[in-house]
């Protein structure tokens, strides 16, 4: 079975999300691909973050961390909700 056969059964919003060039490709690969792709995506995210720190200095290190604060806040709320 191919990925194309699986995507027809998906809702419209998910099919549109998977069509976004870079983010959608990674998300589709994480959902339908090999389970090790999660680690590859995390390594890629970390590499981009450190590259921005090398390029822009301390703002390149702090601003992505500051942007992730709402994400961590939502995760903490979901954990406490049970």
N, C-alpha and C. Protein backbone atom coordinates (compact mmCIF):
# COMPACT_ATOMS: atom_id res chain seq x y z
N UNK A 1 0.84 -1.18 0.00
CA UNK A 1 0.00 0.00 0.00
C UNK A 1 0.89 1.24 0.00
N UNK A 2 0.55 2.21 -0.79
CA UNK A 2 1.37 3.40 -0.91
C UNK A 2 0.83 4.53 -0.05
N UNK A 3 1.61 5.58 0.06
CA UNK A 3 1.16 6.75 0.82
C UNK A 3 -0.02 7.41 0.12
N UNK A 4 -0.04 7.38 -1.21
CA UNK A 4 -1.14 8.00 -1.95
C UNK A 4 -2.47 7.32 -1.65
N UNK A 5 -2.46 6.02 -1.43
CA UNK A 5 -3.69 5.32 -1.10
C UNK A 5 -4.17 5.69 0.30
N UNK A 6 -3.23 5.95 1.21
CA UNK A 6 -3.61 6.31 2.58
C UNK A 6 -4.13 7.73 2.68
N UNK A 7 -3.63 8.63 1.84
CA UNK A 7 -4.01 10.04 1.98
C UNK A 7 -5.43 10.31 1.49
N UNK A 8 -6.02 9.44 0.69
CA UNK A 8 -7.39 9.68 0.24
C UNK A 8 -8.39 9.56 1.39
N UNK A 9 -8.07 8.74 2.38
CA UNK A 9 -8.99 8.54 3.50
C UNK A 9 -8.83 9.63 4.57
N UNK A 10 -7.88 10.52 4.41
CA UNK A 10 -7.65 11.57 5.40
C UNK A 10 -8.64 12.72 5.23
N UNK A 11 -8.90 13.45 6.32
CA UNK A 11 -9.76 14.64 6.21
C UNK A 11 -9.12 15.71 5.34
N UNK A 12 -9.93 16.65 4.90
CA UNK A 12 -9.47 17.70 3.98
C UNK A 12 -8.36 18.55 4.58
N UNK A 13 -8.52 18.95 5.85
CA UNK A 13 -7.51 19.82 6.47
C UNK A 13 -6.17 19.12 6.59
N UNK A 14 -6.18 17.81 6.81
CA UNK A 14 -4.93 17.08 6.94
C UNK A 14 -4.25 16.92 5.58
N UNK A 15 -5.04 16.71 4.54
CA UNK A 15 -4.46 16.63 3.19
C UNK A 15 -3.84 17.96 2.80
N UNK A 16 -4.49 19.07 3.15
CA UNK A 16 -3.94 20.39 2.84
C UNK A 16 -2.67 20.66 3.64
N UNK A 17 -2.64 20.21 4.88
CA UNK A 17 -1.45 20.39 5.71
C UNK A 17 -0.27 19.62 5.14
N UNK A 18 -0.52 18.42 4.62
CA UNK A 18 0.55 17.61 4.05
C UNK A 18 1.07 18.19 2.74
N UNK A 19 0.34 19.09 2.11
CA UNK A 19 0.79 19.70 0.86
C UNK A 19 1.69 20.91 1.07
N UNK A 20 1.86 21.37 2.32
CA UNK A 20 2.79 22.46 2.61
C UNK A 20 4.19 21.94 2.33
N UNK A 21 5.00 22.68 1.57
CA UNK A 21 6.26 22.11 1.06
C UNK A 21 7.18 21.44 2.07
N UNK A 22 7.68 22.10 3.07
CA UNK A 22 8.66 21.44 3.94
C UNK A 22 8.00 20.85 5.17
N UNK A 23 7.18 21.63 5.84
CA UNK A 23 6.54 21.19 7.08
C UNK A 23 5.61 20.01 6.83
N UNK A 24 4.84 20.07 5.76
CA UNK A 24 3.92 18.98 5.45
C UNK A 24 4.63 17.70 5.06
N UNK A 25 5.74 17.84 4.35
CA UNK A 25 6.51 16.65 3.96
C UNK A 25 7.06 15.94 5.18
N UNK A 26 7.57 16.71 6.13
CA UNK A 26 8.11 16.12 7.35
C UNK A 26 6.99 15.48 8.16
N UNK A 27 5.84 16.16 8.28
CA UNK A 27 4.72 15.62 9.05
C UNK A 27 4.19 14.33 8.42
N UNK A 28 4.09 14.30 7.11
CA UNK A 28 3.61 13.08 6.43
C UNK A 28 4.61 11.95 6.63
N UNK A 29 5.90 12.27 6.57
CA UNK A 29 6.91 11.25 6.77
C UNK A 29 6.88 10.72 8.20
N UNK A 30 6.58 11.60 9.16
CA UNK A 30 6.49 11.16 10.55
C UNK A 30 5.26 10.27 10.77
N UNK A 31 4.16 10.58 10.09
CA UNK A 31 2.93 9.80 10.29
C UNK A 31 2.97 8.46 9.56
N UNK A 32 3.44 8.45 8.32
CA UNK A 32 3.34 7.25 7.50
C UNK A 32 4.68 6.57 7.25
N UNK A 33 5.77 7.20 7.62
CA UNK A 33 7.09 6.65 7.32
C UNK A 33 7.62 5.77 8.45
N UNK A 34 8.93 5.61 8.43
CA UNK A 34 9.62 4.81 9.41
C UNK A 34 9.54 5.48 10.79
N UNK A 35 9.53 4.70 11.84
CA UNK A 35 9.43 5.24 13.20
C UNK A 35 10.70 6.00 13.61
N UNK A 36 11.81 5.75 12.95
CA UNK A 36 13.05 6.47 13.26
C UNK A 36 13.03 7.89 12.72
N UNK A 37 12.07 8.24 11.90
CA UNK A 37 12.01 9.59 11.34
C UNK A 37 11.79 10.65 12.41
N UNK A 38 11.23 10.27 13.55
CA UNK A 38 11.07 11.22 14.65
C UNK A 38 12.43 11.73 15.10
N UNK A 39 13.38 10.82 15.21
CA UNK A 39 14.72 11.21 15.66
C UNK A 39 15.41 12.07 14.62
N UNK A 40 15.21 11.76 13.34
CA UNK A 40 15.79 12.56 12.28
C UNK A 40 15.21 13.98 12.29
N UNK A 41 13.91 14.09 12.55
CA UNK A 41 13.28 15.41 12.60
C UNK A 41 13.80 16.22 13.80
N UNK A 42 13.96 15.56 14.94
CA UNK A 42 14.50 16.25 16.12
C UNK A 42 15.94 16.70 15.90
N UNK A 43 16.74 15.86 15.27
CA UNK A 43 18.13 16.24 14.98
C UNK A 43 18.15 17.41 14.00
N UNK A 44 17.27 17.40 13.00
CA UNK A 44 17.20 18.51 12.05
C UNK A 44 16.77 19.80 12.72
N UNK A 45 15.78 19.73 13.61
CA UNK A 45 15.34 20.91 14.35
C UNK A 45 16.46 21.47 15.21
N UNK A 46 17.15 20.59 15.91
CA UNK A 46 18.25 21.03 16.78
C UNK A 46 19.39 21.64 15.95
N UNK A 47 19.68 21.05 14.80
CA UNK A 47 20.74 21.57 13.94
C UNK A 47 20.38 22.96 13.41
N UNK A 48 19.12 23.15 13.01
CA UNK A 48 18.70 24.48 12.56
C UNK A 48 18.78 25.50 13.68
N UNK A 49 18.41 25.08 14.87
CA UNK A 49 18.46 25.99 16.02
C UNK A 49 19.90 26.40 16.32
N UNK A 50 20.81 25.45 16.31
CA UNK A 50 22.20 25.78 16.58
C UNK A 50 22.82 26.58 15.43
N UNK A 51 22.38 26.33 14.20
CA UNK A 51 22.87 27.13 13.07
C UNK A 51 22.42 28.58 13.21
N UNK A 52 21.19 28.79 13.69
CA UNK A 52 20.74 30.17 13.90
C UNK A 52 21.52 30.82 15.02
N UNK A 53 21.91 30.04 16.02
CA UNK A 53 22.72 30.60 17.10
C UNK A 53 24.11 30.98 16.60
N UNK A 54 24.67 30.19 15.70
CA UNK A 54 25.97 30.52 15.13
C UNK A 54 25.89 31.73 14.20
N UNK A 55 24.77 31.85 13.49
CA UNK A 55 24.62 32.94 12.53
C UNK A 55 24.27 34.26 13.22
N UNK A 56 23.31 34.23 14.14
CA UNK A 56 22.78 35.46 14.73
C UNK A 56 23.24 35.70 16.16
N UNK A 57 23.98 34.78 16.74
CA UNK A 57 24.46 34.96 18.10
C UNK A 57 23.41 34.59 19.12
N UNK A 58 23.42 35.30 20.25
CA UNK A 58 22.50 34.98 21.33
C UNK A 58 21.02 35.16 20.96
N UNK A 59 20.63 36.16 20.17
CA UNK A 59 19.20 36.21 19.78
C UNK A 59 18.76 34.97 19.00
N UNK A 60 19.65 34.40 18.21
CA UNK A 60 19.32 33.17 17.50
C UNK A 60 19.14 31.98 18.42
N UNK A 61 19.73 32.06 19.61
CA UNK A 61 19.57 31.00 20.60
C UNK A 61 18.34 31.23 21.46
N UNK A 62 18.08 32.47 21.84
CA UNK A 62 17.00 32.77 22.77
C UNK A 62 15.63 32.85 22.12
N UNK A 63 15.53 33.43 20.95
CA UNK A 63 14.21 33.63 20.34
C UNK A 63 13.47 32.34 20.00
N UNK A 64 14.11 31.31 19.46
CA UNK A 64 13.36 30.06 19.28
C UNK A 64 12.90 29.44 20.61
N UNK A 65 13.73 29.56 21.65
CA UNK A 65 13.32 29.06 22.96
C UNK A 65 12.14 29.85 23.49
N UNK A 66 12.15 31.15 23.27
CA UNK A 66 11.04 31.98 23.70
C UNK A 66 9.77 31.66 22.91
N UNK A 67 9.92 31.32 21.64
CA UNK A 67 8.76 30.97 20.82
C UNK A 67 8.17 29.62 21.24
N UNK A 68 8.96 28.75 21.85
CA UNK A 68 8.47 27.45 22.28
C UNK A 68 7.80 27.47 23.65
N UNK A 69 7.82 28.59 24.35
CA UNK A 69 7.19 28.69 25.66
C UNK A 69 5.69 28.37 25.60
N UNK A 70 4.90 28.92 24.66
CA UNK A 70 3.48 28.56 24.62
C UNK A 70 3.25 27.07 24.33
N UNK A 71 4.12 26.47 23.55
CA UNK A 71 3.98 25.03 23.25
C UNK A 71 4.17 24.22 24.53
N UNK A 72 5.20 24.54 25.29
CA UNK A 72 5.45 23.83 26.53
C UNK A 72 4.33 24.09 27.53
N UNK A 73 3.79 25.29 27.54
CA UNK A 73 2.68 25.61 28.43
C UNK A 73 1.45 24.75 28.11
N UNK A 74 1.15 24.59 26.84
CA UNK A 74 0.02 23.74 26.44
C UNK A 74 0.29 22.28 26.79
N UNK A 75 1.52 21.82 26.62
CA UNK A 75 1.86 20.45 26.98
C UNK A 75 1.69 20.23 28.49
N UNK A 76 2.12 21.19 29.28
CA UNK A 76 1.93 21.08 30.73
C UNK A 76 0.46 21.06 31.11
N UNK A 77 -0.35 21.86 30.43
CA UNK A 77 -1.79 21.84 30.71
C UNK A 77 -2.41 20.50 30.34
N UNK A 78 -1.99 19.94 29.23
CA UNK A 78 -2.51 18.63 28.82
C UNK A 78 -2.08 17.53 29.79
N UNK A 79 -0.86 17.63 30.31
CA UNK A 79 -0.39 16.64 31.28
C UNK A 79 -1.20 16.72 32.57
N UNK A 80 -1.47 17.93 33.05
CA UNK A 80 -2.20 18.08 34.29
C UNK A 80 -3.67 17.76 34.13
N UNK A 81 -4.19 17.89 32.92
CA UNK A 81 -5.60 17.54 32.67
C UNK A 81 -5.79 16.04 32.83
N UNK A 82 -4.78 15.29 32.49
CA UNK A 82 -4.80 13.86 32.73
C UNK A 82 -5.24 13.09 31.56
